[in-house]
Each structure stands twice: as structure tokens, then as C-alpha cells.
Amino acid sequence: MPKLKTHKGAKSRFHITGSGKIMRVKGGKSHLRRKKSARTKRLYDETIPVQPQDRAKIKRLLPYGLK
């Protein structure tokens, strides 16, 4: 069976923690940032876990990254 290819966009957007959670960064920090407050831009820095219903989609894009 041939090797599966990793989706490079997904590889840069998601990372997997030691416990197996898939983490992502919030989008929208760099778009129209002059009118956003410093507090709002700071909230975009957080990494948040991916929703459970989206885990199957990401698993298909990252075949070797998930357990």
C-alpha cells in the first residue's frame, strides 16, 4: 500500500498535544487590525482545541499526525 500524503496547509495550521488533542489558532488577527483593540488582538493569540465533530476531517488531512 502506498504512503499517504500529508496536507501541508493542515500541517501548518494544527498541532497535536501529548495527550492527543488537536489545537488550532484563531483566525482573523491580521485582517483589519488597526481598528481592533489591543485586548481583542491578544485574544487571537490563544490556541484552542478543535471541535470533536471536525476531528475526522483533520485526521484525513494528517494521516500520520494523529493516534
PDB file of N, CA and C in Angstrom:
ATOM      1  N   MET A   1       0.843  -1.180   0.000  1.00  0.00           N
ATOM      2  CA  MET A   1       0.000   0.000   0.000  1.00  0.00           C
ATOM      3  C   MET A   1       0.894   1.251   0.000  1.00  0.00           C
ATOM      4  N   PRO A   2       0.592   2.231  -0.840  1.00  0.00           N
ATOM      5  CA  PRO A   2       1.455   3.417  -0.920  1.00  0.00           C
ATOM      6  C   PRO A   2       1.309   4.320   0.307  1.00  0.00           C
ATOM      7  N   LYS A   3       2.301   5.168   0.469  1.00  0.00           N
ATOM      8  CA  LYS A   3       2.253   6.131   1.562  1.00  0.00           C
ATOM      9  C   LYS A   3       1.168   7.169   1.280  1.00  0.00           C
ATOM     10  N   LEU A   4       0.603   7.711   2.351  1.00  0.00           N
ATOM     11  CA  LEU A   4      -0.389   8.770   2.226  1.00  0.00           C
ATOM     12  C   LEU A   4       0.309  10.118   2.350  1.00  0.00           C
ATOM     13  N   LYS A   5      -0.170  11.100   1.612  1.00  0.00           N
ATOM     14  CA  LYS A   5       0.446  12.419   1.662  1.00  0.00           C
ATOM     15  C   LYS A   5      -0.221  13.281   2.727  1.00  0.00           C
ATOM     16  N   THR A   6       0.593  14.045   3.433  1.00  0.00           N
ATOM     17  CA  THR A   6       0.107  14.985   4.431  1.00  0.00           C
ATOM     18  C   THR A   6      -0.295  16.275   3.744  1.00  0.00           C
ATOM     19  N   HIS A   7      -1.434  16.840   4.132  1.00  0.00           N
ATOM     20  CA  HIS A   7      -1.874  18.122   3.589  1.00  0.00           C
ATOM     21  C   HIS A   7      -1.045  19.219   4.248  1.00  0.00           C
ATOM     22  N   LYS A   8      -0.255  19.958   3.456  1.00  0.00           N
ATOM     23  CA  LYS A   8       0.698  20.915   4.010  1.00  0.00           C
ATOM     24  C   LYS A   8       0.011  22.098   4.686  1.00  0.00           C
ATOM     25  N   GLY A   9      -1.173  22.491   4.197  1.00  0.00           N
ATOM     26  CA  GLY A   9      -1.895  23.570   4.853  1.00  0.00           C
ATOM     27  C   GLY A   9      -2.368  23.162   6.236  1.00  0.00           C
ATOM     28  N   ALA A  10      -2.846  21.940   6.364  1.00  0.00           N
ATOM     29  CA  ALA A  10      -3.297  21.442   7.658  1.00  0.00           C
ATOM     30  C   ALA A  10      -2.122  21.243   8.599  1.00  0.00           C
ATOM     31  N   LYS A  11      -0.994  20.863   8.043  1.00  0.00           N
ATOM     32  CA  LYS A  11       0.199  20.640   8.862  1.00  0.00           C
ATOM     33  C   LYS A  11       0.635  21.928   9.550  1.00  0.00           C
ATOM     34  N   SER A  12       0.498  23.056   8.855  1.00  0.00           N
ATOM     35  CA  SER A  12       0.920  24.321   9.445  1.00  0.00           C
ATOM     36  C   SER A  12      -0.144  24.924  10.357  1.00  0.00           C
ATOM     37  N   ARG A  13      -1.399  24.529  10.218  1.00  0.00           N
ATOM     38  CA  ARG A  13      -2.474  25.137  10.995  1.00  0.00           C
ATOM     39  C   ARG A  13      -2.805  24.411  12.290  1.00  0.00           C
ATOM     40  N   PHE A  14      -2.519  23.126  12.357  1.00  0.00           N
ATOM     41  CA  PHE A  14      -2.894  22.332  13.519  1.00  0.00           C
ATOM     42  C   PHE A  14      -1.666  21.692  14.136  1.00  0.00           C
ATOM     43  N   HIS A  15      -1.706  21.525  15.455  1.00  0.00           N
ATOM     44  CA  HIS A  15      -0.682  20.708  16.091  1.00  0.00           C
ATOM     45  C   HIS A  15      -1.340  19.832  17.146  1.00  0.00           C
ATOM     46  N   ILE A  16      -0.684  18.721  17.438  1.00  0.00           N
ATOM     47  CA  ILE A  16      -1.236  17.720  18.321  1.00  0.00           C
ATOM     48  C   ILE A  16      -0.470  17.746  19.633  1.00  0.00           C
ATOM     49  N   THR A  17      -1.188  17.801  20.740  1.00  0.00           N
ATOM     50  CA  THR A  17      -0.555  17.817  22.048  1.00  0.00           C
ATOM     51  C   THR A  17      -0.150  16.401  22.440  1.00  0.00           C
ATOM     52  N   GLY A  18       0.523  16.295  23.561  1.00  0.00           N
ATOM     53  CA  GLY A  18       0.942  14.987  24.055  1.00  0.00           C
ATOM     54  C   GLY A  18      -0.225  14.105  24.443  1.00  0.00           C
ATOM     55  N   SER A  19      -1.325  14.717  24.872  1.00  0.00           N
ATOM     56  CA  SER A  19      -2.495  13.934  25.265  1.00  0.00           C
ATOM     57  C   SER A  19      -3.385  13.578  24.085  1.00  0.00           C
ATOM     58  N   GLY A  20      -3.045  14.082  22.883  1.00  0.00           N
ATOM     59  CA  GLY A  20      -3.804  13.717  21.697  1.00  0.00           C
ATOM     60  C   GLY A  20      -4.813  14.750  21.215  1.00  0.00           C
ATOM     61  N   LYS A  21      -4.886  15.899  21.897  1.00  0.00           N
ATOM     62  CA  LYS A  21      -5.807  16.942  21.445  1.00  0.00           C
ATOM     63  C   LYS A  21      -5.239  17.616  20.199  1.00  0.00           C
ATOM     64  N   ILE A  22      -6.129  18.033  19.309  1.00  0.00           N
ATOM     65  CA  ILE A  22      -5.724  18.808  18.137  1.00  0.00           C
ATOM     66  C   ILE A  22      -5.998  20.263  18.460  1.00  0.00           C
ATOM     67  N   MET A  23      -4.964  21.090  18.392  1.00  0.00           N
ATOM     68  CA  MET A  23      -5.093  22.501  18.729  1.00  0.00           C
ATOM     69  C   MET A  23      -4.996  23.339  17.464  1.00  0.00           C
ATOM     70  N   ARG A  24      -5.707  24.468  17.462  1.00  0.00           N
ATOM     71  CA  ARG A  24      -5.674  25.380  16.333  1.00  0.00           C
ATOM     72  C   ARG A  24      -5.578  26.808  16.845  1.00  0.00           C
ATOM     73  N   VAL A  25      -5.164  27.722  15.969  1.00  0.00           N
ATOM     74  CA  VAL A  25      -5.084  29.139  16.301  1.00  0.00           C
ATOM     75  C   VAL A  25      -6.309  29.824  15.716  1.00  0.00           C
ATOM     76  N   LYS A  26      -6.842  30.793  16.425  1.00  0.00           N
ATOM     77  CA  LYS A  26      -7.989  31.544  15.920  1.00  0.00           C
ATOM     78  C   LYS A  26      -7.581  32.353  14.699  1.00  0.00           C
ATOM     79  N   GLY A  27      -8.471  32.456  13.734  1.00  0.00           N
ATOM     80  CA  GLY A  27      -8.196  33.232  12.545  1.00  0.00           C
ATOM     81  C   GLY A  27      -8.661  34.662  12.697  1.00  0.00           C
ATOM     82  N   GLY A  28      -8.124  35.561  11.890  1.00  0.00           N
ATOM     83  CA  GLY A  28      -8.610  36.927  11.852  1.00  0.00           C
ATOM     84  C   GLY A  28      -7.765  37.945  12.571  1.00  0.00           C
ATOM     85  N   LYS A  29      -6.608  37.552  13.091  1.00  0.00           N
ATOM     86  CA  LYS A  29      -5.792  38.513  13.820  1.00  0.00           C
ATOM     87  C   LYS A  29      -5.150  39.536  12.885  1.00  0.00           C
ATOM     88  N   SER A  30      -4.762  39.121  11.710  1.00  0.00           N
ATOM     89  CA  SER A  30      -4.016  40.016  10.840  1.00  0.00           C
ATOM     90  C   SER A  30      -4.912  40.835   9.915  1.00  0.00           C
ATOM     91  N   HIS A  31      -6.196  40.548   9.899  1.00  0.00           N
ATOM     92  CA  HIS A  31      -7.096  41.223   8.974  1.00  0.00           C
ATOM     93  C   HIS A  31      -7.741  42.426   9.658  1.00  0.00           C
ATOM     94  N   LEU A  32      -7.588  43.630   9.084  1.00  0.00           N
ATOM     95  CA  LEU A  32      -8.176  44.862   9.618  1.00  0.00           C
ATOM     96  C   LEU A  32      -7.813  45.074  11.089  1.00  0.00           C
ATOM     97  N   ARG A  33      -6.545  44.977  11.414  1.00  0.00           N
ATOM     98  CA  ARG A  33      -6.170  45.010  12.817  1.00  0.00           C
ATOM     99  C   ARG A  33      -6.019  46.409  13.394  1.00  0.00           C
ATOM    100  N   ARG A  34      -6.040  47.441  12.584  1.00  0.00           N
ATOM    101  CA  ARG A  34      -5.903  48.800  13.126  1.00  0.00           C
ATOM    102  C   ARG A  34      -7.099  49.206  13.961  1.00  0.00           C
ATOM    103  N   LYS A  35      -8.278  48.760  13.571  1.00  0.00           N
ATOM    104  CA  LYS A  35      -9.466  49.170  14.318  1.00  0.00           C
ATOM    105  C   LYS A  35      -9.792  48.237  15.482  1.00  0.00           C
ATOM    106  N   LYS A  36      -9.038  47.160  15.648  1.00  0.00           N
ATOM    107  CA  LYS A  36      -9.283  46.257  16.759  1.00  0.00           C
ATOM    108  C   LYS A  36      -8.513  46.726  17.987  1.00  0.00           C
ATOM    109  N   SER A  37      -9.105  46.522  19.152  1.00  0.00           N
ATOM    110  CA  SER A  37      -8.430  46.911  20.388  1.00  0.00           C
ATOM    111  C   SER A  37      -7.293  45.940  20.685  1.00  0.00           C
ATOM    112  N   ALA A  38      -6.395  46.365  21.551  1.00  0.00           N
ATOM    113  CA  ALA A  38      -5.266  45.510  21.933  1.00  0.00           C
ATOM    114  C   ALA A  38      -5.761  44.248  22.618  1.00  0.00           C
ATOM    115  N   ARG A  39      -6.825  44.366  23.399  1.00  0.00           N
ATOM    116  CA  ARG A  39      -7.377  43.199  24.088  1.00  0.00           C
ATOM    117  C   ARG A  39      -7.908  42.177  23.086  1.00  0.00           C
ATOM    118  N   THR A  40      -8.588  42.651  22.056  1.00  0.00           N
ATOM    119  CA  THR A  40      -9.135  41.755  21.040  1.00  0.00           C
ATOM    120  C   THR A  40      -8.015  41.039  20.302  1.00  0.00           C
ATOM    121  N   LYS A  41      -6.973  41.766  19.940  1.00  0.00           N
ATOM    122  CA  LYS A  41      -5.855  41.139  19.229  1.00  0.00           C
ATOM    123  C   LYS A  41      -5.134  40.141  20.117  1.00  0.00           C
ATOM    124  N   ARG A  42      -5.078  40.426  21.398  1.00  0.00           N
ATOM    125  CA  ARG A  42      -4.434  39.499  22.334  1.00  0.00           C
ATOM    126  C   ARG A  42      -5.235  38.212  22.452  1.00  0.00           C
ATOM    127  N   LEU A  43      -6.562  38.301  22.357  1.00  0.00           N
ATOM    128  CA  LEU A  43      -7.396  37.104  22.438  1.00  0.00           C
ATOM    129  C   LEU A  43      -7.199  36.180  21.238  1.00  0.00           C
ATOM    130  N   TYR A  44      -6.745  36.742  20.121  1.00  0.00           N
ATOM    131  CA  TYR A  44      -6.491  35.920  18.937  1.00  0.00           C
ATOM    132  C   TYR A  44      -5.222  35.082  19.069  1.00  0.00           C
ATOM    133  N   ASP A  45      -4.381  35.348  20.074  1.00  0.00           N
ATOM    134  CA  ASP A  45      -3.129  34.612  20.245  1.00  0.00           C
ATOM    135  C   ASP A  45      -3.342  33.208  20.798  1.00  0.00           C
ATOM    136  N   GLU A  46      -4.480  32.977  21.435  1.00  0.00           N
ATOM    137  CA  GLU A  46      -4.711  31.700  22.094  1.00  0.00           C
ATOM    138  C   GLU A  46      -4.819  30.551  21.091  1.00  0.00           C
ATOM    139  N   THR A  47      -4.364  29.386  21.517  1.00  0.00           N
ATOM    140  CA  THR A  47      -4.659  28.184  20.744  1.00  0.00           C
ATOM    141  C   THR A  47      -5.820  27.486  21.447  1.00  0.00           C
ATOM    142  N   ILE A  48      -6.766  27.039  20.666  1.00  0.00           N
ATOM    143  CA  ILE A  48      -7.951  26.410  21.225  1.00  0.00           C
ATOM    144  C   ILE A  48      -8.115  25.022  20.615  1.00  0.00           C
ATOM    145  N   PRO A  49      -8.749  24.111  21.338  1.00  0.00           N
ATOM    146  CA  PRO A  49      -8.918  22.761  20.788  1.00  0.00           C
ATOM    147  C   PRO A  49      -9.933  22.739  19.646  1.00  0.00           C
ATOM    148  N   VAL A  50      -9.715  21.827  18.719  1.00  0.00           N
ATOM    149  CA  VAL A  50     -10.628  21.623  17.596  1.00  0.00           C
ATOM    150  C   VAL A  50     -11.873  20.914  18.112  1.00  0.00           C
ATOM    151  N   GLN A  51     -13.012  21.241  17.551  1.00  0.00           N
ATOM    152  CA  GLN A  51     -14.265  20.610  17.953  1.00  0.00           C
ATOM    153  C   GLN A  51     -14.231  19.114  17.623  1.00  0.00           C
ATOM    154  N   PRO A  52     -14.844  18.286  18.463  1.00  0.00           N
ATOM    155  CA  PRO A  52     -14.807  16.835  18.225  1.00  0.00           C
ATOM    156  C   PRO A  52     -15.380  16.403  16.881  1.00  0.00           C
ATOM    157  N   GLN A  53     -16.406  17.108  16.382  1.00  0.00           N
ATOM    158  CA  GLN A  53     -17.011  16.704  15.116  1.00  0.00           C
ATOM    159  C   GLN A  53     -16.098  16.994  13.926  1.00  0.00           C
ATOM    160  N   ASP A  54     -15.094  17.861  14.084  1.00  0.00           N
ATOM    161  CA  ASP A  54     -14.169  18.173  12.997  1.00  0.00           C
ATOM    162  C   ASP A  54     -12.915  17.303  13.025  1.00  0.00           C
ATOM    163  N   ARG A  55     -12.772  16.499  14.059  1.00  0.00           N
ATOM    164  CA  ARG A  55     -11.569  15.682  14.218  1.00  0.00           C
ATOM    165  C   ARG A  55     -11.398  14.681  13.065  1.00  0.00           C
ATOM    166  N   ALA A  56     -12.482  14.117  12.563  1.00  0.00           N
ATOM    167  CA  ALA A  56     -12.398  13.133  11.482  1.00  0.00           C
ATOM    168  C   ALA A  56     -11.892  13.768  10.195  1.00  0.00           C
ATOM    169  N   LYS A  57     -12.299  15.025   9.932  1.00  0.00           N
ATOM    170  CA  LYS A  57     -11.840  15.712   8.729  1.00  0.00           C
ATOM    171  C   LYS A  57     -10.336  15.958   8.789  1.00  0.00           C
ATOM    172  N   ILE A  58      -9.873  16.389   9.955  1.00  0.00           N
ATOM    173  CA  ILE A  58      -8.448  16.702  10.103  1.00  0.00           C
ATOM    174  C   ILE A  58      -7.624  15.425  10.101  1.00  0.00           C
ATOM    175  N   LYS A  59      -8.186  14.357  10.616  1.00  0.00           N
ATOM    176  CA  LYS A  59      -7.474  13.084  10.618  1.00  0.00           C
ATOM    177  C   LYS A  59      -7.183  12.612   9.195  1.00  0.00           C
ATOM    178  N   ARG A  60      -8.101  12.911   8.281  1.00  0.00           N
ATOM    179  CA  ARG A  60      -7.887  12.534   6.888  1.00  0.00           C
ATOM    180  C   ARG A  60      -6.764  13.365   6.262  1.00  0.00           C
ATOM    181  N   LEU A  61      -6.632  14.638   6.695  1.00  0.00           N
ATOM    182  CA  LEU A  61      -5.595  15.512   6.145  1.00  0.00           C
ATOM    183  C   LEU A  61      -4.226  15.247   6.762  1.00  0.00           C
ATOM    184  N   LEU A  62      -4.203  14.757   7.999  1.00  0.00           N
ATOM    185  CA  LEU A  62      -2.946  14.474   8.689  1.00  0.00           C
ATOM    186  C   LEU A  62      -2.904  12.989   9.046  1.00  0.00           C
ATOM    187  N   PRO A  63      -2.634  12.132   8.098  1.00  0.00           N
ATOM    188  CA  PRO A  63      -2.748  10.698   8.364  1.00  0.00           C
ATOM    189  C   PRO A  63      -1.744  10.165   9.374  1.00  0.00           C
ATOM    190  N   TYR A  64      -0.573  10.803   9.499  1.00  0.00           N
ATOM    191  CA  TYR A  64       0.449  10.288  10.407  1.00  0.00           C
ATOM    192  C   TYR A  64       0.569  11.110  11.661  1.00  0.00           C
ATOM    193  N   GLY A  65      -0.185  12.201  11.777  1.00  0.00           N
ATOM    194  CA  GLY A  65      -0.065  13.065  12.930  1.00  0.00           C
ATOM    195  C   GLY A  65      -0.939  12.667  14.099  1.00  0.00           C
ATOM    196  N   LEU A  66      -1.967  11.880  13.855  1.00  0.00           N
ATOM    197  CA  LEU A  66      -2.904  11.527  14.911  1.00  0.00           C
ATOM    198  C   LEU A  66      -2.769  10.069  15.310  1.00  0.00           C
ATOM    199  N   LYS A  67      -3.212   9.804  16.515  1.00  0.00           N
ATOM    200  CA  LYS A  67      -3.140   8.430  17.008  1.00  0.00           C
ATOM    201  C   LYS A  67      -4.476   7.743  16.878  1.00  0.00           C
TER     202      LYS A  67
END
